[in-house]
Amino acid sequence: MQEDHKPNYKQEVIKFFNSRTAYDSEGDSHPQEAKHLLEYVQVKSGQTILDLATGTGLVAIPAAKAAAPGTAIGVDIASGMLAQAQEKIVAQGIRNLELIEADAELIDFPNEQFDLIFCCSALVYISDIPAMIAKCYRWLKPGGYLAFTTPNKSSYLADLKVQICQDLFDMDLPHIIRPLWTSKACSLILGEAGFQNIEIEQYQFRKYRIDQNYGAGLLAQDFYPRGNPLLNLSQAQQKLLQAEYNKAIDSIITKQGVWQSAFNFFVKASK
């Protein structure tokens, strides 16, 4: 599929990740999260691995090494991220890892092809998460595992934004992380797809200070893969929303600023 035929949301995602030309150097949170996920579900020699939204290969590359002489596939929608991964693959002489530029929601694989499927930090970008998880179930061999990470509801002030929209406009804001932002939500979606032996742990992967310009671009700060009702608000309503959001942030400011702890769920489940 040509890039100009992708939905506008997918175009925004591609542009956003292609602009991150030094992804692995954006602090240590990305490498730490990938490392912890690989410790959470260990790859064995001879396995066949799929890494969805592989990015720069932070999961796929060590997984491919551990799986040898098995094979690994990394899928990502952003060519710029894959280019960074390819540089590392060549430099490290890895021969059992294939990169595919594709939309994970549109690609397909044969049934029961993989022993392990990973998705590190990116499942929330999928428009139809239950359908994606159902595909993963079909692609896994019996006894295979799906393993992913996803932010909890307090990360990125998501629960605060949802609550403000509810209080002001009785709006049920579909924040990007909302479908998987509790362990119960993760378990329900996995269970509905047929997964068993669901295990979930919470891990703080980052703590950072929110920029002083926290109130700017509330509408643009988040992606909305399942629709953005904020765009339907009038200009006056958007100003009110911005003011209430700023006021809520002001109430939690300390002398050191506003600190945000980002917690991820590490989730694994078997077929």
C-alpha atoms as a PDB file:
ATOM      1  CA  MET A   1       0.000   0.000   0.000  1.00  0.00           C
ATOM      2  CA  GLN A   2       1.373   3.415  -0.914  1.00  0.00           C
ATOM      3  CA  GLU A   3       1.941   5.833   1.921  1.00  0.00           C
ATOM      4  CA  ASP A   4      -0.418   8.483   0.524  1.00  0.00           C
ATOM      5  CA  HIS A   5      -3.295   5.991   0.680  1.00  0.00           C
ATOM      6  CA  LYS A   6      -2.940   5.395   4.411  1.00  0.00           C
ATOM      7  CA  PRO A   7      -5.454   7.060   6.758  1.00  0.00           C
ATOM      8  CA  ASN A   8      -4.457  10.463   8.109  1.00  0.00           C
ATOM      9  CA  TYR A   9      -3.843   9.016  11.561  1.00  0.00           C
ATOM     10  CA  LYS A  10      -1.358   6.491  10.199  1.00  0.00           C
ATOM     11  CA  GLN A  11       0.358   9.268   8.243  1.00  0.00           C
ATOM     12  CA  GLU A  12       0.800  11.194  11.488  1.00  0.00           C
ATOM     13  CA  VAL A  13       2.291   8.140  13.189  1.00  0.00           C
ATOM     14  CA  ILE A  14       4.732   7.582  10.317  1.00  0.00           C
ATOM     15  CA  LYS A  15       5.795  11.239  10.344  1.00  0.00           C
ATOM     16  CA  PHE A  16       6.216  11.242  14.122  1.00  0.00           C
ATOM     17  CA  PHE A  17       8.459   8.168  14.234  1.00  0.00           C
ATOM     18  CA  ASN A  18      10.394   8.993  11.076  1.00  0.00           C
ATOM     19  CA  SER A  19      11.346  12.309  12.706  1.00  0.00           C
ATOM     20  CA  ARG A  20      13.056  10.473  15.583  1.00  0.00           C
ATOM     21  CA  THR A  21      16.378   9.873  13.896  1.00  0.00           C
ATOM     22  CA  ALA A  22      18.250   8.925  17.089  1.00  0.00           C
ATOM     23  CA  TYR A  23      15.561   6.891  18.854  1.00  0.00           C
ATOM     24  CA  ASP A  24      17.913   4.704  20.878  1.00  0.00           C
ATOM     25  CA  SER A  25      19.545   7.797  22.387  1.00  0.00           C
ATOM     26  CA  GLU A  26      16.325   9.379  23.693  1.00  0.00           C
ATOM     27  CA  GLY A  27      17.277   8.603  27.270  1.00  0.00           C
ATOM     28  CA  ASP A  28      17.487   5.061  28.578  1.00  0.00           C
ATOM     29  CA  SER A  29      13.777   4.262  28.924  1.00  0.00           C
ATOM     30  CA  HIS A  30      13.345   2.610  25.503  1.00  0.00           C
ATOM     31  CA  PRO A  31      16.314   0.221  25.859  1.00  0.00           C
ATOM     32  CA  GLN A  32      15.376  -0.563  29.472  1.00  0.00           C
ATOM     33  CA  GLU A  33      11.802  -1.384  28.546  1.00  0.00           C
ATOM     34  CA  ALA A  34      12.912  -3.687  25.726  1.00  0.00           C
ATOM     35  CA  LYS A  35      15.464  -5.391  27.970  1.00  0.00           C
ATOM     36  CA  HIS A  36      12.913  -5.960  30.718  1.00  0.00           C
ATOM     37  CA  LEU A  37      10.400  -7.400  28.242  1.00  0.00           C
ATOM     38  CA  LEU A  38      12.989  -9.887  26.983  1.00  0.00           C
ATOM     39  CA  GLU A  39      13.733 -10.880  30.579  1.00  0.00           C
ATOM     40  CA  TYR A  40      10.026 -11.257  31.235  1.00  0.00           C
ATOM     41  CA  VAL A  41       9.574 -13.703  28.328  1.00  0.00           C
ATOM     42  CA  GLN A  42      12.845 -15.341  27.433  1.00  0.00           C
ATOM     43  CA  VAL A  43      13.598 -16.416  23.870  1.00  0.00           C
ATOM     44  CA  LYS A  44      14.906 -19.930  23.286  1.00  0.00           C
ATOM     45  CA  SER A  45      17.210 -21.233  20.585  1.00  0.00           C
ATOM     46  CA  GLY A  46      15.373 -22.451  17.500  1.00  0.00           C
ATOM     47  CA  GLN A  47      12.211 -20.405  18.075  1.00  0.00           C
ATOM     48  CA  THR A  48      10.413 -18.325  15.454  1.00  0.00           C
ATOM     49  CA  ILE A  49       9.837 -14.748  16.620  1.00  0.00           C
ATOM     50  CA  LEU A  50       7.602 -11.881  15.465  1.00  0.00           C
ATOM     51  CA  ASP A  51       8.182  -8.352  16.757  1.00  0.00           C
ATOM     52  CA  LEU A  52       5.323  -5.978  15.938  1.00  0.00           C
ATOM     53  CA  ALA A  53       6.148  -2.258  15.721  1.00  0.00           C
ATOM     54  CA  THR A  54       9.777  -3.270  15.929  1.00  0.00           C
ATOM     55  CA  GLY A  55      11.114   0.276  15.584  1.00  0.00           C
ATOM     56  CA  THR A  56      14.908   0.244  15.736  1.00  0.00           C
ATOM     57  CA  GLY A  57      14.996  -3.422  16.658  1.00  0.00           C
ATOM     58  CA  LEU A  58      15.506  -3.017  20.403  1.00  0.00           C
ATOM     59  CA  VAL A  59      13.567  -6.244  20.953  1.00  0.00           C
ATOM     60  CA  ALA A  60      13.955  -7.944  17.572  1.00  0.00           C
ATOM     61  CA  ILE A  61      17.755  -7.844  17.389  1.00  0.00           C
ATOM     62  CA  PRO A  62      18.516  -9.493  20.751  1.00  0.00           C
ATOM     63  CA  ALA A  63      15.562 -11.845  20.196  1.00  0.00           C
ATOM     64  CA  ALA A  64      16.988 -12.929  16.835  1.00  0.00           C
ATOM     65  CA  LYS A  65      20.380 -13.576  18.418  1.00  0.00           C
ATOM     66  CA  ALA A  66      18.828 -15.655  21.184  1.00  0.00           C
ATOM     67  CA  ALA A  67      16.604 -17.582  18.746  1.00  0.00           C
ATOM     68  CA  ALA A  68      19.416 -18.599  16.352  1.00  0.00           C
ATOM     69  CA  PRO A  69      19.332 -20.871  14.442  1.00  0.00           C
ATOM     70  CA  GLY A  70      15.658 -19.914  14.580  1.00  0.00           C
ATOM     71  CA  THR A  71      14.371 -16.827  12.792  1.00  0.00           C
ATOM     72  CA  ALA A  72      12.806 -13.478  13.608  1.00  0.00           C
ATOM     73  CA  ILE A  73      10.661 -10.959  11.740  1.00  0.00           C
ATOM     74  CA  GLY A  74      10.317  -7.297  12.657  1.00  0.00           C
ATOM     75  CA  VAL A  75       7.382  -5.302  11.308  1.00  0.00           C
ATOM     76  CA  ASP A  76       7.074  -1.533  11.429  1.00  0.00           C
ATOM     77  CA  ILE A  77       5.148   1.150   9.558  1.00  0.00           C
ATOM     78  CA  ALA A  78       7.931   3.767   9.709  1.00  0.00           C
ATOM     79  CA  SER A  79      10.756   3.419   7.203  1.00  0.00           C
ATOM     80  CA  GLY A  80      12.996   5.728   9.240  1.00  0.00           C
ATOM     81  CA  MET A  81      12.850   3.450  12.259  1.00  0.00           C
ATOM     82  CA  LEU A  82      13.556   0.386  10.134  1.00  0.00           C
ATOM     83  CA  ALA A  83      16.569   2.118   8.584  1.00  0.00           C
ATOM     84  CA  GLN A  84      18.067   2.533  12.057  1.00  0.00           C
ATOM     85  CA  ALA A  85      17.371  -1.125  12.789  1.00  0.00           C
ATOM     86  CA  GLN A  86      18.951  -2.207   9.492  1.00  0.00           C
ATOM     87  CA  GLU A  87      22.156  -0.339  10.285  1.00  0.00           C
ATOM     88  CA  LYS A  88      22.492  -2.285  13.528  1.00  0.00           C
ATOM     89  CA  ILE A  89      21.676  -5.585  11.834  1.00  0.00           C
ATOM     90  CA  VAL A  90      24.406  -5.066   9.244  1.00  0.00           C
ATOM     91  CA  ALA A  91      26.920  -3.855  11.817  1.00  0.00           C
ATOM     92  CA  GLN A  92      26.304  -6.892  14.019  1.00  0.00           C
ATOM     93  CA  GLY A  93      26.244  -9.388  11.164  1.00  0.00           C
ATOM     94  CA  ILE A  94      22.782 -10.721  11.987  1.00  0.00           C
ATOM     95  CA  ARG A  95      21.417 -13.027   9.277  1.00  0.00           C
ATOM     96  CA  ASN A  96      18.264 -14.498  10.797  1.00  0.00           C
ATOM     97  CA  LEU A  97      16.208 -11.299  11.145  1.00  0.00           C
ATOM     98  CA  GLU A  98      13.919 -10.006   8.385  1.00  0.00           C
ATOM     99  CA  LEU A  99      12.483  -6.467   8.486  1.00  0.00           C
ATOM    100  CA  ILE A 100       9.140  -5.728   6.832  1.00  0.00           C
ATOM    101  CA  GLU A 101       7.774  -2.222   6.288  1.00  0.00           C
ATOM    102  CA  ALA A 102       4.043  -2.618   6.772  1.00  0.00           C
ATOM    103  CA  ASP A 103       1.031  -1.594   8.803  1.00  0.00           C
ATOM    104  CA  ALA A 104       0.655  -4.267  11.494  1.00  0.00           C
ATOM    105  CA  GLU A 105      -3.120  -4.022  11.159  1.00  0.00           C
ATOM    106  CA  LEU A 106      -2.991  -4.917   7.456  1.00  0.00           C
ATOM    107  CA  ILE A 107      -0.247  -7.517   7.310  1.00  0.00           C
ATOM    108  CA  ASP A 108      -1.034 -11.214   7.626  1.00  0.00           C
ATOM    109  CA  PHE A 109       0.921 -14.380   8.336  1.00  0.00           C
ATOM    110  CA  PRO A 110       0.064 -18.083   8.156  1.00  0.00           C
ATOM    111  CA  ASN A 111      -1.681 -19.665  11.115  1.00  0.00           C
ATOM    112  CA  GLU A 112       0.537 -21.098  13.859  1.00  0.00           C
ATOM    113  CA  GLN A 113       3.789 -19.676  12.471  1.00  0.00           C
ATOM    114  CA  PHE A 114       5.371 -18.125  15.587  1.00  0.00           C
ATOM    115  CA  ASP A 115       6.533 -19.307  18.994  1.00  0.00           C
ATOM    116  CA  LEU A 116       6.660 -15.778  20.413  1.00  0.00           C
ATOM    117  CA  ILE A 117       5.108 -12.467  19.401  1.00  0.00           C
ATOM    118  CA  PHE A 118       6.374  -9.254  20.992  1.00  0.00           C
ATOM    119  CA  CYS A 119       5.049  -5.703  20.898  1.00  0.00           C
ATOM    120  CA  CYS A 120       7.008  -3.260  23.027  1.00  0.00           C
ATOM    121  CA  SER A 121       5.171  -0.032  23.956  1.00  0.00           C
ATOM    122  CA  ALA A 122       3.271   0.247  20.643  1.00  0.00           C
ATOM    123  CA  LEU A 123       0.084  -1.810  20.896  1.00  0.00           C
ATOM    124  CA  VAL A 124      -1.872   1.304  21.924  1.00  0.00           C
ATOM    125  CA  TYR A 125      -1.202   2.831  18.488  1.00  0.00           C
ATOM    126  CA  ILE A 126      -3.335   0.105  16.897  1.00  0.00           C
ATOM    127  CA  SER A 127      -6.825   1.274  15.945  1.00  0.00           C
ATOM    128  CA  ASP A 128      -8.551  -2.063  16.618  1.00  0.00           C
ATOM    129  CA  ILE A 129      -6.655  -3.699  19.461  1.00  0.00           C
ATOM    130  CA  PRO A 130      -9.001  -6.692  19.971  1.00  0.00           C
ATOM    131  CA  ALA A 131      -8.702  -7.563  16.270  1.00  0.00           C
ATOM    132  CA  MET A 132      -4.905  -7.275  16.436  1.00  0.00           C
ATOM    133  CA  ILE A 133      -4.710  -9.529  19.477  1.00  0.00           C
ATOM    134  CA  ALA A 134      -7.003 -12.052  17.788  1.00  0.00           C
ATOM    135  CA  LYS A 135      -4.625 -12.103  14.805  1.00  0.00           C
ATOM    136  CA  CYS A 136      -1.697 -12.717  17.131  1.00  0.00           C
ATOM    137  CA  TYR A 137      -3.557 -15.638  18.671  1.00  0.00           C
ATOM    138  CA  ARG A 138      -4.077 -17.133  15.218  1.00  0.00           C
ATOM    139  CA  TRP A 139      -0.436 -16.613  14.227  1.00  0.00           C
ATOM    140  CA  LEU A 140       0.920 -18.317  17.362  1.00  0.00           C
ATOM    141  CA  LYS A 141       1.707 -21.982  17.594  1.00  0.00           C
ATOM    142  CA  PRO A 142      -0.139 -23.888  20.356  1.00  0.00           C
ATOM    143  CA  GLY A 143       1.665 -23.072  23.590  1.00  0.00           C
ATOM    144  CA  GLY A 144       3.177 -19.926  22.072  1.00  0.00           C
ATOM    145  CA  TYR A 145       3.271 -16.604  23.898  1.00  0.00           C
ATOM    146  CA  LEU A 146       2.219 -13.034  23.187  1.00  0.00           C
ATOM    147  CA  ALA A 147       4.162 -10.495  25.255  1.00  0.00           C
ATOM    148  CA  PHE A 148       3.695  -6.728  25.238  1.00  0.00           C
ATOM    149  CA  THR A 149       4.085  -3.575  27.296  1.00  0.00           C
ATOM    150  CA  THR A 150       1.521  -0.830  27.726  1.00  0.00           C
ATOM    151  CA  PRO A 151       1.216   2.267  29.958  1.00  0.00           C
ATOM    152  CA  ASN A 152      -1.046   2.274  33.002  1.00  0.00           C
ATOM    153  CA  LYS A 153      -3.781   4.861  33.392  1.00  0.00           C
ATOM    154  CA  SER A 154      -1.762   7.420  35.360  1.00  0.00           C
ATOM    155  CA  SER A 155       1.001   7.638  32.754  1.00  0.00           C
ATOM    156  CA  TYR A 156       1.118  10.775  30.604  1.00  0.00           C
ATOM    157  CA  LEU A 157      -1.617  12.246  32.859  1.00  0.00           C
ATOM    158  CA  ALA A 158      -4.107  10.201  30.842  1.00  0.00           C
ATOM    159  CA  ASP A 159      -6.565   9.647  33.684  1.00  0.00           C
ATOM    160  CA  LEU A 160      -6.498  13.376  34.478  1.00  0.00           C
ATOM    161  CA  LYS A 161      -7.350  14.309  30.886  1.00  0.00           C
ATOM    162  CA  VAL A 162     -10.146  11.747  30.741  1.00  0.00           C
ATOM    163  CA  GLN A 163     -11.611  12.979  34.033  1.00  0.00           C
ATOM    164  CA  ILE A 164     -11.576  16.630  32.967  1.00  0.00           C
ATOM    165  CA  CYS A 165     -13.385  15.826  29.724  1.00  0.00           C
ATOM    166  CA  GLN A 166     -15.948  13.807  31.668  1.00  0.00           C
ATOM    167  CA  ASP A 167     -16.521  16.580  34.198  1.00  0.00           C
ATOM    168  CA  LEU A 168     -16.750  19.417  31.667  1.00  0.00           C
ATOM    169  CA  PHE A 169     -18.585  17.875  28.737  1.00  0.00           C
ATOM    170  CA  ASP A 170     -19.733  14.426  29.865  1.00  0.00           C
ATOM    171  CA  MET A 171     -17.309  13.201  27.202  1.00  0.00           C
ATOM    172  CA  ASP A 172     -15.859   9.707  27.302  1.00  0.00           C
ATOM    173  CA  LEU A 173     -12.430  10.614  25.926  1.00  0.00           C
ATOM    174  CA  PRO A 174     -10.863   7.694  23.987  1.00  0.00           C
ATOM    175  CA  HIS A 175      -7.317   8.413  25.151  1.00  0.00           C
ATOM    176  CA  ILE A 176      -4.759   6.403  23.201  1.00  0.00           C
ATOM    177  CA  ILE A 177      -3.717   4.259  26.177  1.00  0.00           C
ATOM    178  CA  ARG A 178      -7.229   3.710  27.530  1.00  0.00           C
ATOM    179  CA  PRO A 179      -8.073   0.276  26.026  1.00  0.00           C
ATOM    180  CA  LEU A 180      -5.189  -1.342  27.951  1.00  0.00           C
ATOM    181  CA  TRP A 181      -4.585   1.065  30.817  1.00  0.00           C
ATOM    182  CA  THR A 182      -5.549  -1.339  33.627  1.00  0.00           C
ATOM    183  CA  SER A 183      -4.554  -4.930  34.256  1.00  0.00           C
ATOM    184  CA  LYS A 184      -8.245  -5.863  34.152  1.00  0.00           C
ATOM    185  CA  ALA A 185      -8.637  -4.348  30.683  1.00  0.00           C
ATOM    186  CA  CYS A 186      -5.580  -6.249  29.423  1.00  0.00           C
ATOM    187  CA  SER A 187      -6.882  -9.505  30.863  1.00  0.00           C
ATOM    188  CA  LEU A 188     -10.343  -9.067  29.350  1.00  0.00           C
ATOM    189  CA  ILE A 189      -9.071  -8.412  25.828  1.00  0.00           C
ATOM    190  CA  LEU A 190      -6.640 -11.316  25.990  1.00  0.00           C
ATOM    191  CA  GLY A 191      -9.248 -13.656  27.436  1.00  0.00           C
ATOM    192  CA  GLU A 192     -11.767 -12.780  24.750  1.00  0.00           C
ATOM    193  CA  ALA A 193      -9.186 -13.742  22.100  1.00  0.00           C
ATOM    194  CA  GLY A 194      -8.686 -17.133  23.748  1.00  0.00           C
ATOM    195  CA  PHE A 195      -5.397 -16.528  25.568  1.00  0.00           C
ATOM    196  CA  GLN A 196      -4.636 -18.356  28.808  1.00  0.00           C
ATOM    197  CA  ASN A 197      -2.087 -18.151  31.612  1.00  0.00           C
ATOM    198  CA  ILE A 198      -2.247 -14.361  31.595  1.00  0.00           C
ATOM    199  CA  GLU A 199       0.437 -12.733  33.736  1.00  0.00           C
ATOM    200  CA  ILE A 200       0.803  -8.996  34.328  1.00  0.00           C
ATOM    201  CA  GLU A 201       3.376  -7.053  36.304  1.00  0.00           C
ATOM    202  CA  GLN A 202       3.796  -3.299  36.737  1.00  0.00           C
ATOM    203  CA  TYR A 203       7.166  -1.651  36.316  1.00  0.00           C
ATOM    204  CA  GLN A 204       8.200   2.009  36.531  1.00  0.00           C
ATOM    205  CA  PHE A 205      10.288   2.651  33.457  1.00  0.00           C
ATOM    206  CA  ARG A 206      10.562   6.419  33.557  1.00  0.00           C
ATOM    207  CA  LYS A 207      10.179   9.431  35.825  1.00  0.00           C
ATOM    208  CA  TYR A 208      10.458  12.825  34.249  1.00  0.00           C
ATOM    209  CA  ARG A 209       9.605  16.466  34.833  1.00  0.00           C
ATOM    210  CA  ILE A 210       6.853  17.864  32.656  1.00  0.00           C
ATOM    211  CA  ASP A 211       7.952  20.813  30.563  1.00  0.00           C
ATOM    212  CA  GLN A 212       6.881  24.236  31.844  1.00  0.00           C
ATOM    213  CA  ASN A 213       4.919  24.687  28.635  1.00  0.00           C
ATOM    214  CA  TYR A 214       2.693  21.818  29.709  1.00  0.00           C
ATOM    215  CA  GLY A 215      -0.514  23.541  28.679  1.00  0.00           C
ATOM    216  CA  ALA A 216       0.377  24.093  25.036  1.00  0.00           C
ATOM    217  CA  GLY A 217      -1.193  21.961  22.345  1.00  0.00           C
ATOM    218  CA  LEU A 218      -3.435  19.792  24.491  1.00  0.00           C
ATOM    219  CA  LEU A 219      -5.287  18.628  21.396  1.00  0.00           C
ATOM    220  CA  ALA A 220      -2.083  17.736  19.574  1.00  0.00           C
ATOM    221  CA  GLN A 221      -0.191  16.082  22.399  1.00  0.00           C
ATOM    222  CA  ASP A 222      -1.772  12.679  21.972  1.00  0.00           C
ATOM    223  CA  PHE A 223      -2.594  10.441  19.056  1.00  0.00           C
ATOM    224  CA  TYR A 224      -6.203   9.304  18.797  1.00  0.00           C
ATOM    225  CA  PRO A 225      -6.282   6.047  16.817  1.00  0.00           C
ATOM    226  CA  ARG A 226      -9.929   5.506  17.733  1.00  0.00           C
ATOM    227  CA  GLY A 227     -11.151   9.041  16.984  1.00  0.00           C
ATOM    228  CA  ASN A 228     -10.666  12.454  18.597  1.00  0.00           C
ATOM    229  CA  PRO A 229     -13.931  14.000  19.846  1.00  0.00           C
ATOM    230  CA  LEU A 230     -12.014  17.040  21.110  1.00  0.00           C
ATOM    231  CA  LEU A 231     -11.939  18.269  17.532  1.00  0.00           C
ATOM    232  CA  ASN A 232     -15.745  18.600  17.655  1.00  0.00           C
ATOM    233  CA  LEU A 233     -15.619  21.119  20.497  1.00  0.00           C
ATOM    234  CA  SER A 234     -16.277  24.771  19.807  1.00  0.00           C
ATOM    235  CA  GLN A 235     -13.453  27.251  20.180  1.00  0.00           C
ATOM    236  CA  ALA A 236     -14.941  28.437  23.462  1.00  0.00           C
ATOM    237  CA  GLN A 237     -15.167  24.849  24.742  1.00  0.00           C
ATOM    238  CA  GLN A 238     -11.570  24.172  23.753  1.00  0.00           C
ATOM    239  CA  LYS A 239     -10.437  27.266  25.664  1.00  0.00           C
ATOM    240  CA  LEU A 240     -12.402  26.110  28.696  1.00  0.00           C
ATOM    241  CA  LEU A 241     -10.867  22.658  28.448  1.00  0.00           C
ATOM    242  CA  GLN A 242      -7.388  24.155  28.197  1.00  0.00           C
ATOM    243  CA  ALA A 243      -8.012  26.383  31.215  1.00  0.00           C
ATOM    244  CA  GLU A 244      -9.301  23.503  33.350  1.00  0.00           C
ATOM    245  CA  TYR A 245      -6.382  21.315  32.351  1.00  0.00           C
ATOM    246  CA  ASN A 246      -3.900  24.073  33.204  1.00  0.00           C
ATOM    247  CA  LYS A 247      -5.620  24.621  36.547  1.00  0.00           C
ATOM    248  CA  ALA A 248      -5.420  20.917  37.353  1.00  0.00           C
ATOM    249  CA  ILE A 249      -1.704  20.893  36.568  1.00  0.00           C
ATOM    250  CA  ASP A 250      -1.136  24.042  38.620  1.00  0.00           C
ATOM    251  CA  SER A 251      -2.662  22.265  41.622  1.00  0.00           C
ATOM    252  CA  ILE A 252       0.051  19.597  41.583  1.00  0.00           C
ATOM    253  CA  ILE A 253       3.057  21.793  40.819  1.00  0.00           C
ATOM    254  CA  THR A 254       5.868  21.733  43.361  1.00  0.00           C
ATOM    255  CA  LYS A 255       9.045  23.802  43.584  1.00  0.00           C
ATOM    256  CA  GLN A 256      10.720  21.165  41.438  1.00  0.00           C
ATOM    257  CA  GLY A 257       7.970  21.308  38.820  1.00  0.00           C
ATOM    258  CA  VAL A 258       5.482  18.606  37.869  1.00  0.00           C
ATOM    259  CA  TRP A 259       6.941  15.132  38.068  1.00  0.00           C
ATOM    260  CA  GLN A 260       5.308  12.345  36.147  1.00  0.00           C
ATOM    261  CA  SER A 261       6.004   8.695  36.856  1.00  0.00           C
ATOM    262  CA  ALA A 262       5.367   6.463  33.858  1.00  0.00           C
ATOM    263  CA  PHE A 263       4.441   2.911  34.731  1.00  0.00           C
ATOM    264  CA  ASN A 264       4.091   0.133  32.192  1.00  0.00           C
ATOM    265  CA  PHE A 265       2.308  -3.151  32.432  1.00  0.00           C
ATOM    266  CA  PHE A 266       4.382  -6.072  31.238  1.00  0.00           C
ATOM    267  CA  VAL A 267       1.921  -8.609  29.921  1.00  0.00           C
ATOM    268  CA  LYS A 268       2.309 -12.172  28.708  1.00  0.00           C
ATOM    269  CA  ALA A 269      -0.237 -14.823  27.793  1.00  0.00           C
ATOM    270  CA  SER A 270      -0.142 -18.206  26.102  1.00  0.00           C
ATOM    271  CA  LYS A 271      -2.221 -19.835  23.397  1.00  0.00           C
END
